[in-house]
Amino acid sequence: MANLSVILVNYNGRRFLEPCLESLINENRLIPLEIIFVDNASTDGSAEFVKRFFSDVTVIRNKKNAGFSRANNRGFAYSGADLILFLNTDTVVEPGALKKMVDWMNTHPDTGALGPLLYGSDDRYQVSFGGRRTFVSELLEKTLLNTARRKKIARMARTRKSRRKKTPRVIRSKKTVWLSGAALLVRRDAFVEAGGFDENYFLYFEDIDVCYRIGQEGWKVKVLPRVRIYHEGGASTAALSLRSRYYYRQSQLYFYRKYNSRLSSLLLRQYLRLNLVLLSLKGAWRGSRGKKIKEDFHRLLRERK
């Protein structure tokens, strides 16, 4: 029986699949795992590729793009292990990373969710955990304080890496509020008690939301700074396409309504209206597609539910 179920949700990510799956197969030599691949109606032959070249992987095909939350919940329904890793397809697992995470969870039964540090292909740290998400934290992300935070975490990771030879059996953890869904390990009981991913999120913020609820159920949410997974994505909102940026803000507004004060939600709306004006000045809404997304943004900001 598998010690770990790995759930991969894919939408037209064919180019990432081979390195991701190969890294997981290498981990399977260290720890028994099952891989569940949920395809969100891709048109690039992703599902066919996995079926042909990775026959041990369970492939689930959605008839339409169901979104990240719903697809992950569907994959979870097929899983059998007590520990489940929700993993993006644009990741590569560092050798031994999953075994370290599973071993740590097995010796810390009060932890409901665990995450590694994420690094890009350029070996730069990506923000993969954090505290409460509020309007203040939104503003801080756009300042030098965010850069300072990245440097602090990078130093922490280097320090713990340098200690590895002295204390090879000790893997220190850090308590946090949320973890990135790019590589999120959960305990089955904790995930079920939290109610799984909220399917009102199509994309973005579903990981923060489920970590909030896991914490509210009394479980600990932690990050292991000495465990690495490489993530090709991790772009800031400024680097996202207009449609992806729309999904991000749509989920953010829903998240604020769910967890933050009415004042915080109001401030966010005003802030986003200002962003729309700035995007217009930059000529971001060119073409019929740009105009359609702009209309969707304005409609979104008028909604009150």
Protein backbone atom coordinates (compact mmCIF):
# COMPACT_ATOMS: atom_id res chain seq x y z
CA MET A 1 0.00 0.00 0.00
CA ALA A 2 1.22 3.48 -0.84
CA ASN A 3 2.51 5.65 2.00
CA LEU A 4 1.75 8.78 -0.01
CA SER A 5 -0.78 9.82 -2.64
CA VAL A 6 0.42 12.51 -5.05
CA ILE A 7 -2.27 14.47 -6.88
CA LEU A 8 -1.34 16.42 -10.01
CA VAL A 9 -3.87 18.76 -11.63
CA ASN A 10 -3.04 19.65 -15.21
CA TYR A 11 -4.29 22.05 -17.84
CA ASN A 12 -2.24 22.15 -21.04
CA GLY A 13 0.97 21.57 -19.13
CA ARG A 14 2.37 18.86 -21.39
CA ARG A 15 5.84 20.46 -21.55
CA PHE A 16 6.28 20.12 -17.76
CA LEU A 17 5.06 16.57 -17.29
CA GLU A 18 8.11 14.48 -18.10
CA PRO A 19 10.55 16.09 -15.62
CA CYS A 20 7.85 16.26 -12.94
CA LEU A 21 6.80 12.62 -13.26
CA GLU A 22 10.38 11.38 -13.58
CA SER A 23 11.27 13.09 -10.30
CA LEU A 24 8.29 11.42 -8.62
CA ILE A 25 9.22 8.00 -9.98
CA ASN A 26 12.69 8.46 -8.51
CA GLU A 27 11.08 9.23 -5.14
CA ASN A 28 9.04 6.03 -5.43
CA ARG A 29 12.27 4.11 -4.90
CA LEU A 30 12.54 5.66 -1.44
CA ILE A 31 8.90 5.67 -0.41
CA PRO A 32 5.88 3.82 -1.87
CA LEU A 33 3.56 6.32 -3.52
CA GLU A 34 0.64 6.47 -5.91
CA ILE A 35 0.32 9.20 -8.52
CA ILE A 36 -3.10 10.52 -9.52
CA PHE A 37 -3.18 12.76 -12.58
CA VAL A 38 -6.31 14.90 -13.05
CA ASP A 39 -6.53 16.52 -16.47
CA ASN A 40 -8.77 19.58 -16.83
CA ALA A 41 -9.79 19.05 -20.48
CA SER A 42 -6.35 19.83 -21.92
CA THR A 43 -5.98 20.19 -25.68
CA ASP A 44 -2.22 19.58 -25.87
CA GLY A 45 -2.26 15.79 -25.52
CA SER A 46 -1.26 15.79 -21.85
CA ALA A 47 -3.49 12.91 -20.77
CA GLU A 48 -2.52 10.77 -23.77
CA PHE A 49 1.16 11.38 -23.03
CA VAL A 50 0.82 10.25 -19.41
CA LYS A 51 -1.17 7.15 -20.36
CA ARG A 52 1.39 6.15 -22.96
CA PHE A 53 4.64 6.75 -21.11
CA PHE A 54 3.65 6.53 -17.42
CA SER A 55 1.30 3.57 -17.26
CA ASP A 56 1.42 3.29 -13.46
CA VAL A 57 -0.15 6.72 -13.07
CA THR A 58 -3.92 6.89 -12.52
CA VAL A 59 -5.37 9.28 -15.11
CA ILE A 60 -8.67 11.09 -14.48
CA ARG A 61 -10.06 13.21 -17.31
CA ASN A 62 -12.51 16.04 -16.74
CA LYS A 63 -14.79 16.92 -19.65
CA LYS A 64 -14.22 20.62 -19.01
CA ASN A 65 -11.79 22.79 -17.08
CA ALA A 66 -13.23 22.35 -13.60
CA GLY A 67 -10.76 24.66 -11.91
CA PHE A 68 -7.96 23.85 -9.50
CA SER A 69 -10.03 23.26 -6.35
CA ARG A 70 -12.62 20.95 -7.87
CA ALA A 71 -10.02 18.95 -9.78
CA ASN A 72 -7.92 18.44 -6.65
CA ASN A 73 -10.97 17.36 -4.67
CA ARG A 74 -11.76 14.83 -7.38
CA GLY A 75 -8.22 13.51 -7.25
CA PHE A 76 -8.45 13.27 -3.47
CA ALA A 77 -11.55 11.08 -3.82
CA TYR A 78 -9.42 8.55 -5.74
CA SER A 79 -6.53 8.61 -3.26
CA GLY A 80 -5.85 5.87 -0.74
CA ALA A 81 -2.97 6.98 1.47
CA ASP A 82 -3.19 8.76 4.82
CA LEU A 83 -0.87 11.48 3.51
CA ILE A 84 -1.71 13.38 0.33
CA LEU A 85 0.57 15.71 -1.60
CA PHE A 86 -1.10 18.26 -3.87
CA LEU A 87 1.63 19.08 -6.38
CA ASN A 88 1.76 21.38 -9.39
CA THR A 89 2.82 19.80 -12.66
CA ASP A 90 5.47 22.49 -13.22
CA THR A 91 7.52 21.22 -10.27
CA VAL A 92 10.54 18.97 -9.90
CA VAL A 93 11.05 17.20 -6.58
CA GLU A 94 14.54 17.31 -5.10
CA PRO A 95 15.82 13.76 -4.38
CA GLY A 96 14.72 12.59 -0.95
CA ALA A 97 12.37 15.53 -0.38
CA LEU A 98 9.15 13.55 -0.15
CA LYS A 99 10.61 10.94 2.19
CA LYS A 100 11.79 13.69 4.53
CA MET A 101 8.33 15.25 4.54
CA VAL A 102 6.53 11.94 5.08
CA ASP A 103 8.94 10.88 7.84
CA TRP A 104 8.42 14.23 9.54
CA MET A 105 4.63 13.93 9.39
CA ASN A 106 4.78 10.40 10.78
CA THR A 107 6.64 11.66 13.85
CA HIS A 108 4.48 14.78 14.33
CA PRO A 109 0.86 13.58 14.39
CA ASP A 110 -0.45 17.01 15.42
CA THR A 111 0.59 18.55 12.08
CA GLY A 112 -2.20 18.69 9.51
CA ALA A 113 -0.39 20.43 6.65
CA LEU A 114 3.27 20.66 5.72
CA GLY A 115 5.15 22.45 2.96
CA PRO A 116 8.72 22.70 1.63
CA LEU A 117 10.55 25.76 0.46
CA LEU A 118 9.94 26.45 -3.22
CA TYR A 119 12.66 27.59 -5.58
CA GLY A 120 12.51 28.61 -9.22
CA SER A 121 14.64 27.11 -11.96
CA ASP A 122 16.97 30.09 -11.38
CA ASP A 123 17.44 28.84 -7.78
CA ARG A 124 15.71 31.91 -6.35
CA TYR A 125 13.36 31.47 -3.41
CA GLN A 126 9.63 31.81 -4.09
CA VAL A 127 7.16 32.91 -1.43
CA SER A 128 5.60 29.61 -0.34
CA PHE A 129 4.16 30.31 3.12
CA GLY A 130 3.07 33.24 5.23
CA GLY A 131 0.79 34.82 7.81
CA ARG A 132 -2.71 36.25 7.72
CA ARG A 133 -3.75 37.69 4.37
CA THR A 134 -5.13 41.19 4.87
CA PHE A 135 -5.19 44.48 3.01
CA VAL A 136 -2.07 45.53 4.92
CA SER A 137 -0.24 42.38 3.78
CA GLU A 138 -1.35 43.13 0.21
CA LEU A 139 0.34 46.53 0.40
CA LEU A 140 3.47 45.15 2.06
CA GLU A 141 3.92 42.69 -0.80
CA LYS A 142 4.47 45.67 -3.08
CA THR A 143 7.19 47.22 -0.92
CA LEU A 144 10.79 46.59 0.01
CA LEU A 145 9.58 44.70 3.08
CA ASN A 146 8.70 41.76 0.84
CA THR A 147 12.24 41.74 -0.56
CA ALA A 148 13.61 41.81 2.99
CA ARG A 149 11.39 38.86 3.90
CA ARG A 150 12.66 36.84 0.95
CA LYS A 151 16.27 37.50 1.97
CA LYS A 152 15.55 36.49 5.57
CA ILE A 153 14.03 33.16 4.51
CA ALA A 154 16.88 32.51 2.09
CA ARG A 155 19.37 33.05 4.94
CA MET A 156 17.34 30.72 7.15
CA ALA A 157 17.45 28.00 4.51
CA ARG A 158 21.21 28.40 3.99
CA THR A 159 21.85 28.30 7.74
CA ARG A 160 19.91 25.10 8.20
CA LYS A 161 21.55 23.57 5.18
CA SER A 162 24.98 24.32 6.67
CA ARG A 163 23.95 22.60 9.91
CA ARG A 164 22.94 19.42 8.14
CA LYS A 165 26.30 17.69 8.65
CA LYS A 166 26.28 18.48 12.36
CA THR A 167 22.68 17.42 13.04
CA PRO A 168 21.63 15.09 10.20
CA ARG A 169 18.65 13.69 12.09
CA VAL A 170 17.15 17.02 13.06
CA ILE A 171 14.80 18.76 10.65
CA ARG A 172 13.55 21.96 12.21
CA SER A 173 10.13 23.28 11.26
CA LYS A 174 8.47 26.66 11.30
CA LYS A 175 4.85 27.27 12.23
CA THR A 176 2.91 29.27 9.66
CA VAL A 177 -0.66 30.19 8.69
CA TRP A 178 -0.71 29.08 5.08
CA LEU A 179 1.32 27.10 2.56
CA SER A 180 1.52 27.23 -1.21
CA GLY A 181 -0.64 24.74 -3.09
CA ALA A 182 2.22 24.18 -5.52
CA ALA A 183 3.48 21.57 -3.03
CA LEU A 184 1.07 21.02 -0.14
CA LEU A 185 1.23 17.86 1.97
CA VAL A 186 -1.86 17.22 4.09
CA ARG A 187 -3.00 14.57 6.52
CA ARG A 188 -6.20 12.91 5.33
CA ASP A 189 -8.05 13.44 8.61
CA ALA A 190 -7.12 17.13 8.69
CA PHE A 191 -8.16 17.70 5.07
CA VAL A 192 -11.50 15.95 5.59
CA GLU A 193 -12.22 17.83 8.83
CA ALA A 194 -11.50 21.11 7.03
CA GLY A 195 -13.94 20.19 4.26
CA GLY A 196 -11.42 19.92 1.42
CA PHE A 197 -10.77 22.69 -1.07
CA ASP A 198 -13.50 25.32 -1.36
CA GLU A 199 -14.74 24.91 -4.93
CA ASN A 200 -15.88 28.52 -5.11
CA TYR A 201 -12.25 29.24 -5.99
CA PHE A 202 -11.51 28.54 -9.64
CA LEU A 203 -7.84 29.41 -9.34
CA TYR A 204 -5.67 31.01 -6.62
CA PHE A 205 -6.24 31.41 -2.85
CA GLU A 206 -7.71 27.92 -2.45
CA ASP A 207 -4.47 26.81 -0.80
CA ILE A 208 -4.49 29.67 1.71
CA ASP A 209 -8.16 29.04 2.44
CA VAL A 210 -7.79 25.33 3.18
CA CYS A 211 -4.76 25.99 5.40
CA TYR A 212 -6.81 28.53 7.37
CA ARG A 213 -9.49 25.89 7.95
CA ILE A 214 -7.01 23.15 8.83
CA GLY A 215 -5.58 25.50 11.46
CA GLN A 216 -9.06 26.36 12.72
CA GLU A 217 -9.68 22.65 13.29
CA GLY A 218 -6.77 22.59 15.73
CA TRP A 219 -4.09 21.14 13.45
CA LYS A 220 -0.65 22.70 13.04
CA VAL A 221 0.43 24.11 9.69
CA LYS A 222 4.19 24.01 9.21
CA VAL A 223 6.98 24.53 6.70
CA LEU A 224 10.25 22.57 6.52
CA PRO A 225 12.94 25.03 5.39
CA ARG A 226 15.47 22.27 4.66
CA VAL A 227 13.25 20.56 2.10
CA ARG A 228 13.27 21.90 -1.45
CA ILE A 229 10.98 21.53 -4.43
CA TYR A 230 11.65 23.40 -7.65
CA HIS A 231 8.72 25.28 -9.16
CA GLU A 232 8.73 26.74 -12.64
CA GLY A 233 5.76 29.00 -11.84
CA GLY A 234 5.44 31.29 -8.86
CA ALA A 235 5.11 34.50 -10.86
CA SER A 236 3.96 37.67 -9.11
CA THR A 237 0.56 39.08 -10.02
CA ALA A 238 2.31 41.76 -12.07
CA ALA A 239 3.76 39.05 -14.32
CA LEU A 240 0.48 37.18 -14.82
CA SER A 241 -1.57 37.34 -17.98
CA LEU A 242 -4.64 39.57 -17.82
CA ARG A 243 -6.99 36.57 -17.56
CA SER A 244 -4.90 34.95 -14.82
CA ARG A 245 -4.80 38.27 -13.02
CA TYR A 246 -8.59 38.39 -13.21
CA TYR A 247 -8.87 34.93 -11.62
CA TYR A 248 -6.41 35.98 -8.92
CA ARG A 249 -8.40 39.08 -7.99
CA GLN A 250 -11.72 37.23 -8.22
CA SER A 251 -10.49 34.67 -5.70
CA GLN A 252 -8.92 37.37 -3.54
CA LEU A 253 -12.20 39.26 -3.26
CA TYR A 254 -14.04 36.07 -2.30
CA PHE A 255 -11.35 35.27 0.27
CA TYR A 256 -11.64 38.75 1.81
CA ARG A 257 -15.42 38.43 2.09
CA LYS A 258 -14.97 35.09 3.79
CA TYR A 259 -12.25 35.95 6.30
CA ASN A 260 -11.64 39.70 6.56
CA SER A 261 -13.63 42.71 7.71
CA ARG A 262 -15.99 44.70 5.50
CA LEU A 263 -13.59 47.62 5.70
CA SER A 264 -10.74 45.45 4.44
CA SER A 265 -12.87 44.27 1.51
CA LEU A 266 -13.87 47.84 0.70
CA LEU A 267 -10.25 49.02 0.75
CA LEU A 268 -9.27 46.16 -1.54
CA ARG A 269 -11.99 47.09 -4.04
CA GLN A 270 -10.85 50.70 -4.14
CA TYR A 271 -7.25 49.57 -4.53
CA LEU A 272 -8.21 47.33 -7.46
CA ARG A 273 -10.15 50.14 -9.12
CA LEU A 274 -7.00 52.23 -8.98
CA ASN A 275 -5.08 49.34 -10.52
CA LEU A 276 -7.56 49.21 -13.40
CA VAL A 277 -6.97 52.89 -14.10
CA LEU A 278 -3.20 52.35 -14.11
CA LEU A 279 -3.56 49.39 -16.46
CA SER A 280 -5.66 51.53 -18.80
CA LEU A 281 -2.96 54.20 -18.84
CA LYS A 282 -0.45 51.50 -19.78
CA GLY A 283 -2.66 50.36 -22.67
CA ALA A 284 -3.25 46.91 -21.21
CA TRP A 285 -6.76 46.47 -22.65
CA ARG A 286 -5.87 46.34 -26.33
CA GLY A 287 -7.91 44.15 -28.67
CA SER A 288 -11.25 42.44 -28.21
CA ARG A 289 -9.86 40.02 -25.61
CA GLY A 290 -8.43 42.85 -23.51
CA LYS A 291 -11.70 44.76 -23.63
CA LYS A 292 -13.62 41.64 -22.58
CA ILE A 293 -11.35 41.10 -19.56
CA LYS A 294 -11.68 44.77 -18.63
CA GLU A 295 -15.48 44.41 -18.67
CA ASP A 296 -15.20 41.30 -16.51
CA PHE A 297 -13.04 43.22 -14.02
CA HIS A 298 -15.56 46.06 -13.76
CA ARG A 299 -18.41 43.57 -13.33
CA LEU A 300 -16.44 41.78 -10.63
CA LEU A 301 -15.84 44.99 -8.68
CA ARG A 302 -19.56 45.82 -8.80
CA GLU A 303 -20.55 42.49 -7.28
CA ARG A 304 -21.36 42.45 -3.57
CA LYS A 305 -21.71 38.73 -2.95
